[in-house]
Amino acid sequence: MLELRPNCECCDRDLDVASPNVYICTFECTWCADCVATFPYRACPNCGGNLTPRPIRPVGLLKANPPAATRTFNPGCRADLTRS
């Protein structure tokens, strides 16, 4: 089951679990649409894999299967992009 991480790993913006503007890679690195638009080839800056819209968990299943609470933040994300 997907973790549904609560924030963008690059800018630390809070992300709504129901937003269609959240992207993940196969490792569940999680990004907002604004940051994804800056990634070369719209690829994950961590693994280089493709990004896809994160699925939205049905509201009725959120109580039994809540989103993750642990935040992942890479403050060097923007700097990493300039070195690519």
PDB file of N, CA and C in Angstrom:
ATOM      1  N   MET A   1       0.849  -1.171   0.000  1.00  0.00           N
ATOM      2  CA  MET A   1       0.000   0.000   0.000  1.00  0.00           C
ATOM      3  C   MET A   1       0.898   1.239   0.000  1.00  0.00           C
ATOM      4  N   LEU A   2       0.514   2.243  -0.751  1.00  0.00           N
ATOM      5  CA  LEU A   2       1.278   3.487  -0.815  1.00  0.00           C
ATOM      6  C   LEU A   2       1.261   4.211   0.530  1.00  0.00           C
ATOM      7  N   GLU A   3       2.383   4.855   0.842  1.00  0.00           N
ATOM      8  CA  GLU A   3       2.487   5.606   2.089  1.00  0.00           C
ATOM      9  C   GLU A   3       1.659   6.885   2.082  1.00  0.00           C
ATOM     10  N   LEU A   4       1.457   7.488   0.938  1.00  0.00           N
ATOM     11  CA  LEU A   4       0.809   8.798   0.834  1.00  0.00           C
ATOM     12  C   LEU A   4       1.530   9.804   1.730  1.00  0.00           C
ATOM     13  N   ARG A   5       2.753  10.088   1.359  1.00  0.00           N
ATOM     14  CA  ARG A   5       3.583  11.013   2.133  1.00  0.00           C
ATOM     15  C   ARG A   5       2.958  12.408   2.159  1.00  0.00           C
ATOM     16  N   PRO A   6       3.154  13.120   3.279  1.00  0.00           N
ATOM     17  CA  PRO A   6       2.416  14.369   3.507  1.00  0.00           C
ATOM     18  C   PRO A   6       2.981  15.639   2.883  1.00  0.00           C
ATOM     19  N   ASN A   7       4.186  15.547   2.272  1.00  0.00           N
ATOM     20  CA  ASN A   7       4.807  16.790   1.792  1.00  0.00           C
ATOM     21  C   ASN A   7       5.635  16.533   0.539  1.00  0.00           C
ATOM     22  N   CYS A   8       5.922  17.634  -0.148  1.00  0.00           N
ATOM     23  CA  CYS A   8       6.816  17.573  -1.300  1.00  0.00           C
ATOM     24  C   CYS A   8       8.238  17.450  -0.768  1.00  0.00           C
ATOM     25  N   GLU A   9       8.970  16.489  -1.283  1.00  0.00           N
ATOM     26  CA  GLU A   9      10.327  16.246  -0.821  1.00  0.00           C
ATOM     27  C   GLU A   9      11.279  17.384  -1.192  1.00  0.00           C
ATOM     28  N   CYS A  10      10.938  18.165  -2.194  1.00  0.00           N
ATOM     29  CA  CYS A  10      11.828  19.223  -2.660  1.00  0.00           C
ATOM     30  C   CYS A  10      11.565  20.566  -1.969  1.00  0.00           C
ATOM     31  N   CYS A  11      10.309  20.993  -1.894  1.00  0.00           N
ATOM     32  CA  CYS A  11       9.997  22.315  -1.318  1.00  0.00           C
ATOM     33  C   CYS A  11       9.326  22.235   0.048  1.00  0.00           C
ATOM     34  N   ASP A  12       9.011  21.033   0.507  1.00  0.00           N
ATOM     35  CA  ASP A  12       8.387  20.773   1.814  1.00  0.00           C
ATOM     36  C   ASP A  12       6.948  21.282   1.921  1.00  0.00           C
ATOM     37  N   ARG A  13       6.324  21.580   0.788  1.00  0.00           N
ATOM     38  CA  ARG A  13       4.922  22.017   0.783  1.00  0.00           C
ATOM     39  C   ARG A  13       4.032  20.862   1.279  1.00  0.00           C
ATOM     40  N   ASP A  14       3.029  21.193   2.089  1.00  0.00           N
ATOM     41  CA  ASP A  14       2.031  20.198   2.488  1.00  0.00           C
ATOM     42  C   ASP A  14       1.247  19.763   1.261  1.00  0.00           C
ATOM     43  N   LEU A  15       0.967  18.457   1.167  1.00  0.00           N
ATOM     44  CA  LEU A  15       0.233  17.920   0.025  1.00  0.00           C
ATOM     45  C   LEU A  15      -1.051  17.258   0.491  1.00  0.00           C
ATOM     46  N   ASP A  16      -2.132  17.621  -0.134  1.00  0.00           N
ATOM     47  CA  ASP A  16      -3.452  17.069   0.178  1.00  0.00           C
ATOM     48  C   ASP A  16      -3.547  15.647  -0.372  1.00  0.00           C
ATOM     49  N   VAL A  17      -4.068  14.734   0.435  1.00  0.00           N
ATOM     50  CA  VAL A  17      -4.187  13.342  -0.019  1.00  0.00           C
ATOM     51  C   VAL A  17      -5.142  13.199  -1.198  1.00  0.00           C
ATOM     52  N   ALA A  18      -6.001  14.192  -1.416  1.00  0.00           N
ATOM     53  CA  ALA A  18      -6.967  14.127  -2.515  1.00  0.00           C
ATOM     54  C   ALA A  18      -6.536  14.932  -3.736  1.00  0.00           C
ATOM     55  N   SER A  19      -5.335  15.476  -3.711  1.00  0.00           N
ATOM     56  CA  SER A  19      -4.878  16.315  -4.820  1.00  0.00           C
ATOM     57  C   SER A  19      -4.423  15.485  -6.011  1.00  0.00           C
ATOM     58  N   PRO A  20      -4.871  15.855  -7.210  1.00  0.00           N
ATOM     59  CA  PRO A  20      -4.381  15.183  -8.413  1.00  0.00           C
ATOM     60  C   PRO A  20      -3.037  15.747  -8.878  1.00  0.00           C
ATOM     61  N   ASN A  21      -2.518  16.748  -8.169  1.00  0.00           N
ATOM     62  CA  ASN A  21      -1.271  17.416  -8.546  1.00  0.00           C
ATOM     63  C   ASN A  21      -0.088  16.987  -7.692  1.00  0.00           C
ATOM     64  N   VAL A  22      -0.075  15.710  -7.322  1.00  0.00           N
ATOM     65  CA  VAL A  22       1.023  15.131  -6.551  1.00  0.00           C
ATOM     66  C   VAL A  22       1.591  13.994  -7.390  1.00  0.00           C
ATOM     67  N   TYR A  23       2.919  13.924  -7.447  1.00  0.00           N
ATOM     68  CA  TYR A  23       3.581  12.927  -8.291  1.00  0.00           C
ATOM     69  C   TYR A  23       4.500  12.046  -7.461  1.00  0.00           C
ATOM     70  N   ILE A  24       4.628  10.771  -7.886  1.00  0.00           N
ATOM     71  CA  ILE A  24       5.516   9.826  -7.214  1.00  0.00           C
ATOM     72  C   ILE A  24       6.305   9.037  -8.258  1.00  0.00           C
ATOM     73  N   CYS A  25       7.424   8.471  -7.794  1.00  0.00           N
ATOM     74  CA  CYS A  25       8.191   7.533  -8.618  1.00  0.00           C
ATOM     75  C   CYS A  25       7.970   6.133  -8.044  1.00  0.00           C
ATOM     76  N   THR A  26       8.662   5.148  -8.560  1.00  0.00           N
ATOM     77  CA  THR A  26       8.466   3.780  -8.075  1.00  0.00           C
ATOM     78  C   THR A  26       8.950   3.584  -6.641  1.00  0.00           C
ATOM     79  N   PHE A  27       9.772   4.508  -6.131  1.00  0.00           N
ATOM     80  CA  PHE A  27      10.232   4.433  -4.742  1.00  0.00           C
ATOM     81  C   PHE A  27       9.378   5.294  -3.815  1.00  0.00           C
ATOM     82  N   GLU A  28       8.308   5.854  -4.356  1.00  0.00           N
ATOM     83  CA  GLU A  28       7.375   6.711  -3.637  1.00  0.00           C
ATOM     84  C   GLU A  28       7.962   8.052  -3.230  1.00  0.00           C
ATOM     85  N   CYS A  29       9.063   8.469  -3.866  1.00  0.00           N
ATOM     86  CA  CYS A  29       9.504   9.847  -3.670  1.00  0.00           C
ATOM     87  C   CYS A  29       8.305  10.691  -4.093  1.00  0.00           C
ATOM     88  N   THR A  30       8.012  11.719  -3.348  1.00  0.00           N
ATOM     89  CA  THR A  30       6.767  12.465  -3.531  1.00  0.00           C
ATOM     90  C   THR A  30       7.059  13.930  -3.808  1.00  0.00           C
ATOM     91  N   TRP A  31       6.408  14.458  -4.843  1.00  0.00           N
ATOM     92  CA  TRP A  31       6.695  15.806  -5.328  1.00  0.00           C
ATOM     93  C   TRP A  31       5.413  16.557  -5.681  1.00  0.00           C
ATOM     94  N   CYS A  32       5.418  17.869  -5.491  1.00  0.00           N
ATOM     95  CA  CYS A  32       4.296  18.701  -5.945  1.00  0.00           C
ATOM     96  C   CYS A  32       4.475  18.992  -7.444  1.00  0.00           C
ATOM     97  N   ALA A  33       3.410  19.370  -8.090  1.00  0.00           N
ATOM     98  CA  ALA A  33       3.442  19.642  -9.532  1.00  0.00           C
ATOM     99  C   ALA A  33       4.388  20.790  -9.871  1.00  0.00           C
ATOM    100  N   ASP A  34       4.470  21.806  -9.001  1.00  0.00           N
ATOM    101  CA  ASP A  34       5.359  22.940  -9.285  1.00  0.00           C
ATOM    102  C   ASP A  34       6.816  22.496  -9.341  1.00  0.00           C
ATOM    103  N   CYS A  35       7.232  21.647  -8.424  1.00  0.00           N
ATOM    104  CA  CYS A  35       8.613  21.159  -8.438  1.00  0.00           C
ATOM    105  C   CYS A  35       8.848  20.224  -9.621  1.00  0.00           C
ATOM    106  N   VAL A  36       7.900  19.344  -9.893  1.00  0.00           N
ATOM    107  CA  VAL A  36       8.047  18.414 -11.021  1.00  0.00           C
ATOM    108  C   VAL A  36       8.270  19.178 -12.324  1.00  0.00           C
ATOM    109  N   ALA A  37       7.621  20.317 -12.463  1.00  0.00           N
ATOM    110  CA  ALA A  37       7.771  21.121 -13.685  1.00  0.00           C
ATOM    111  C   ALA A  37       9.198  21.623 -13.868  1.00  0.00           C
ATOM    112  N   THR A  38       9.994  21.655 -12.802  1.00  0.00           N
ATOM    113  CA  THR A  38      11.375  22.131 -12.896  1.00  0.00           C
ATOM    114  C   THR A  38      12.381  20.996 -13.078  1.00  0.00           C
ATOM    115  N   PHE A  39      11.960  19.752 -12.928  1.00  0.00           N
ATOM    116  CA  PHE A  39      12.880  18.618 -13.028  1.00  0.00           C
ATOM    117  C   PHE A  39      13.201  18.330 -14.487  1.00  0.00           C
ATOM    118  N   PRO A  40      14.488  18.171 -14.815  1.00  0.00           N
ATOM    119  CA  PRO A  40      14.836  17.811 -16.192  1.00  0.00           C
ATOM    120  C   PRO A  40      14.114  16.536 -16.622  1.00  0.00           C
ATOM    121  N   TYR A  41      13.483  16.607 -17.759  1.00  0.00           N
ATOM    122  CA  TYR A  41      12.716  15.493 -18.335  1.00  0.00           C
ATOM    123  C   TYR A  41      11.577  15.031 -17.430  1.00  0.00           C
ATOM    124  N   ARG A  42      11.224  15.867 -16.441  1.00  0.00           N
ATOM    125  CA  ARG A  42      10.160  15.520 -15.485  1.00  0.00           C
ATOM    126  C   ARG A  42      10.432  14.171 -14.832  1.00  0.00           C
ATOM    127  N   ALA A  43      11.719  13.898 -14.582  1.00  0.00           N
ATOM    128  CA  ALA A  43      12.148  12.639 -13.964  1.00  0.00           C
ATOM    129  C   ALA A  43      12.454  12.865 -12.485  1.00  0.00           C
ATOM    130  N   CYS A  44      12.348  11.814 -11.705  1.00  0.00           N
ATOM    131  CA  CYS A  44      12.653  11.888 -10.275  1.00  0.00           C
ATOM    132  C   CYS A  44      14.121  12.274 -10.095  1.00  0.00           C
ATOM    133  N   PRO A  45      14.403  13.336  -9.333  1.00  0.00           N
ATOM    134  CA  PRO A  45      15.788  13.732  -9.133  1.00  0.00           C
ATOM    135  C   PRO A  45      16.576  12.758  -8.255  1.00  0.00           C
ATOM    136  N   ASN A  46      15.886  11.882  -7.541  1.00  0.00           N
ATOM    137  CA  ASN A  46      16.579  10.910  -6.690  1.00  0.00           C
ATOM    138  C   ASN A  46      17.029   9.680  -7.465  1.00  0.00           C
ATOM    139  N   CYS A  47      16.133   9.123  -8.283  1.00  0.00           N
ATOM    140  CA  CYS A  47      16.453   7.860  -8.960  1.00  0.00           C
ATOM    141  C   CYS A  47      16.491   7.981 -10.482  1.00  0.00           C
ATOM    142  N   GLY A  48      15.974   9.079 -11.022  1.00  0.00           N
ATOM    143  CA  GLY A  48      15.952   9.259 -12.473  1.00  0.00           C
ATOM    144  C   GLY A  48      14.769   8.598 -13.149  1.00  0.00           C
ATOM    145  N   GLY A  49      13.914   7.948 -12.362  1.00  0.00           N
ATOM    146  CA  GLY A  49      12.747   7.267 -12.923  1.00  0.00           C
ATOM    147  C   GLY A  49      11.633   8.224 -13.299  1.00  0.00           C
ATOM    148  N   ASN A  50      10.656   7.680 -14.014  1.00  0.00           N
ATOM    149  CA  ASN A  50       9.533   8.513 -14.424  1.00  0.00           C
ATOM    150  C   ASN A  50       8.622   8.818 -13.235  1.00  0.00           C
ATOM    151  N   LEU A  51       7.935   9.931 -13.332  1.00  0.00           N
ATOM    152  CA  LEU A  51       6.984  10.341 -12.304  1.00  0.00           C
ATOM    153  C   LEU A  51       5.579  10.183 -12.841  1.00  0.00           C
ATOM    154  N   THR A  52       4.694   9.784 -11.968  1.00  0.00           N
ATOM    155  CA  THR A  52       3.306   9.572 -12.348  1.00  0.00           C
ATOM    156  C   THR A  52       2.416  10.198 -11.284  1.00  0.00           C
ATOM    157  N   PRO A  53       1.203  10.636 -11.653  1.00  0.00           N
ATOM    158  CA  PRO A  53       0.308  11.179 -10.627  1.00  0.00           C
ATOM    159  C   PRO A  53       0.060  10.140  -9.526  1.00  0.00           C
ATOM    160  N   ARG A  54       0.110  10.594  -8.294  1.00  0.00           N
ATOM    161  CA  ARG A  54      -0.139   9.682  -7.169  1.00  0.00           C
ATOM    162  C   ARG A  54      -1.612   9.317  -7.138  1.00  0.00           C
ATOM    163  N   PRO A  55      -1.928   8.048  -6.990  1.00  0.00           N
ATOM    164  CA  PRO A  55      -3.336   7.653  -6.892  1.00  0.00           C
ATOM    165  C   PRO A  55      -3.989   8.287  -5.661  1.00  0.00           C
ATOM    166  N   ILE A  56      -5.279   8.521  -5.764  1.00  0.00           N
ATOM    167  CA  ILE A  56      -6.032   9.108  -4.656  1.00  0.00           C
ATOM    168  C   ILE A  56      -6.774   7.993  -3.934  1.00  0.00           C
ATOM    169  N   ARG A  57      -6.497   7.867  -2.642  1.00  0.00           N
ATOM    170  CA  ARG A  57      -7.157   6.841  -1.834  1.00  0.00           C
ATOM    171  C   ARG A  57      -8.593   7.277  -1.553  1.00  0.00           C
ATOM    172  N   PRO A  58      -9.559   6.398  -1.760  1.00  0.00           N
ATOM    173  CA  PRO A  58     -10.954   6.760  -1.482  1.00  0.00           C
ATOM    174  C   PRO A  58     -11.135   7.206  -0.026  1.00  0.00           C
ATOM    175  N   VAL A  59     -11.923   8.245   0.174  1.00  0.00           N
ATOM    176  CA  VAL A  59     -12.144   8.831   1.492  1.00  0.00           C
ATOM    177  C   VAL A  59     -12.548   7.781   2.521  1.00  0.00           C
ATOM    178  N   GLY A  60     -13.399   6.849   2.136  1.00  0.00           N
ATOM    179  CA  GLY A  60     -13.871   5.827   3.067  1.00  0.00           C
ATOM    180  C   GLY A  60     -12.784   4.891   3.557  1.00  0.00           C
ATOM    181  N   LEU A  61     -11.638   4.879   2.913  1.00  0.00           N
ATOM    182  CA  LEU A  61     -10.545   3.991   3.315  1.00  0.00           C
ATOM    183  C   LEU A  61      -9.433   4.708   4.075  1.00  0.00           C
ATOM    184  N   LEU A  62      -9.524   6.034   4.176  1.00  0.00           N
ATOM    185  CA  LEU A  62      -8.471   6.799   4.841  1.00  0.00           C
ATOM    186  C   LEU A  62      -8.407   6.547   6.343  1.00  0.00           C
ATOM    187  N   LYS A  63      -9.529   6.311   6.986  1.00  0.00           N
ATOM    188  CA  LYS A  63      -9.508   6.095   8.437  1.00  0.00           C
ATOM    189  C   LYS A  63      -8.784   4.793   8.776  1.00  0.00           C
ATOM    190  N   ALA A  64      -9.088   3.744   8.062  1.00  0.00           N
ATOM    191  CA  ALA A  64      -8.446   2.450   8.309  1.00  0.00           C
ATOM    192  C   ALA A  64      -7.036   2.392   7.728  1.00  0.00           C
ATOM    193  N   ASN A  65      -6.766   3.199   6.721  1.00  0.00           N
ATOM    194  CA  ASN A  65      -5.478   3.211   6.035  1.00  0.00           C
ATOM    195  C   ASN A  65      -5.007   4.657   5.873  1.00  0.00           C
ATOM    196  N   PRO A  66      -4.601   5.296   6.978  1.00  0.00           N
ATOM    197  CA  PRO A  66      -4.275   6.727   6.933  1.00  0.00           C
ATOM    198  C   PRO A  66      -2.980   7.005   6.174  1.00  0.00           C
ATOM    199  N   PRO A  67      -2.839   8.246   5.715  1.00  0.00           N
ATOM    200  CA  PRO A  67      -1.591   8.642   5.072  1.00  0.00           C
ATOM    201  C   PRO A  67      -0.442   8.650   6.083  1.00  0.00           C
ATOM    202  N   ALA A  68       0.767   8.636   5.576  1.00  0.00           N
ATOM    203  CA  ALA A  68       1.958   8.687   6.430  1.00  0.00           C
ATOM    204  C   ALA A  68       2.032  10.038   7.142  1.00  0.00           C
ATOM    205  N   ALA A  69       2.652  10.039   8.301  1.00  0.00           N
ATOM    206  CA  ALA A  69       2.850  11.279   9.049  1.00  0.00           C
ATOM    207  C   ALA A  69       4.298  11.759   8.961  1.00  0.00           C
ATOM    208  N   THR A  70       5.205  10.864   8.605  1.00  0.00           N
ATOM    209  CA  THR A  70       6.626  11.198   8.545  1.00  0.00           C
ATOM    210  C   THR A  70       6.944  11.995   7.289  1.00  0.00           C
ATOM    211  N   ARG A  71       7.559  13.135   7.484  1.00  0.00           N
ATOM    212  CA  ARG A  71       7.924  14.008   6.369  1.00  0.00           C
ATOM    213  C   ARG A  71       9.309  13.633   5.856  1.00  0.00           C
ATOM    214  N   THR A  72       9.480  13.708   4.542  1.00  0.00           N
ATOM    215  CA  THR A  72      10.772  13.519   3.893  1.00  0.00           C
ATOM    216  C   THR A  72      11.090  14.821   3.186  1.00  0.00           C
ATOM    217  N   PHE A  73      12.247  15.387   3.509  1.00  0.00           N
ATOM    218  CA  PHE A  73      12.595  16.683   2.928  1.00  0.00           C
ATOM    219  C   PHE A  73      14.067  16.676   2.553  1.00  0.00           C
ATOM    220  N   ASN A  74      14.345  17.079   1.327  1.00  0.00           N
ATOM    221  CA  ASN A  74      15.704  17.153   0.811  1.00  0.00           C
ATOM    222  C   ASN A  74      15.981  18.618   0.478  1.00  0.00           C
ATOM    223  N   PRO A  75      16.481  19.408   1.461  1.00  0.00           N
ATOM    224  CA  PRO A  75      16.685  20.833   1.203  1.00  0.00           C
ATOM    225  C   PRO A  75      17.692  21.108   0.092  1.00  0.00           C
ATOM    226  N   GLY A  76      18.491  20.130  -0.288  1.00  0.00           N
ATOM    227  CA  GLY A  76      19.446  20.307  -1.372  1.00  0.00           C
ATOM    228  C   GLY A  76      18.886  19.946  -2.731  1.00  0.00           C
ATOM    229  N   CYS A  77      17.609  19.674  -2.812  1.00  0.00           N
ATOM    230  CA  CYS A  77      16.983  19.233  -4.062  1.00  0.00           C
ATOM    231  C   CYS A  77      17.251  20.193  -5.219  1.00  0.00           C
ATOM    232  N   ARG A  78      17.026  21.455  -5.021  1.00  0.00           N
ATOM    233  CA  ARG A  78      17.218  22.442  -6.094  1.00  0.00           C
ATOM    234  C   ARG A  78      18.686  22.492  -6.516  1.00  0.00           C
ATOM    235  N   ALA A  79      19.599  22.435  -5.555  1.00  0.00           N
ATOM    236  CA  ALA A  79      21.026  22.439  -5.879  1.00  0.00           C
ATOM    237  C   ALA A  79      21.393  21.187  -6.665  1.00  0.00           C
ATOM    238  N   ASP A  80      20.798  20.038  -6.282  1.00  0.00           N
ATOM    239  CA  ASP A  80      21.063  18.787  -6.990  1.00  0.00           C
ATOM    240  C   ASP A  80      20.673  18.900  -8.447  1.00  0.00           C
ATOM    241  N   LEU A  81      19.601  19.637  -8.724  1.00  0.00           N
ATOM    242  CA  LEU A  81      19.111  19.774 -10.099  1.00  0.00           C
ATOM    243  C   LEU A  81      20.082  20.570 -10.939  1.00  0.00           C
ATOM    244  N   THR A  82      20.748  21.542 -10.344  1.00  0.00           N
ATOM    245  CA  THR A  82      21.664  22.366 -11.129  1.00  0.00           C
ATOM    246  C   THR A  82      22.952  21.623 -11.468  1.00  0.00           C
ATOM    247  N   ARG A  83      23.242  20.564 -10.725  1.00  0.00           N
ATOM    248  CA  ARG A  83      24.440  19.764 -10.992  1.00  0.00           C
ATOM    249  C   ARG A  83      24.182  18.679 -12.029  1.00  0.00           C
ATOM    250  N   SER A  84      22.930  18.446 -12.370  1.00  0.00           N
ATOM    251  CA  SER A  84      22.593  17.367 -13.320  1.00  0.00           C
ATOM    252  C   SER A  84      23.061  17.684 -14.711  1.00  0.00           C
TER     253      SER A  84
END
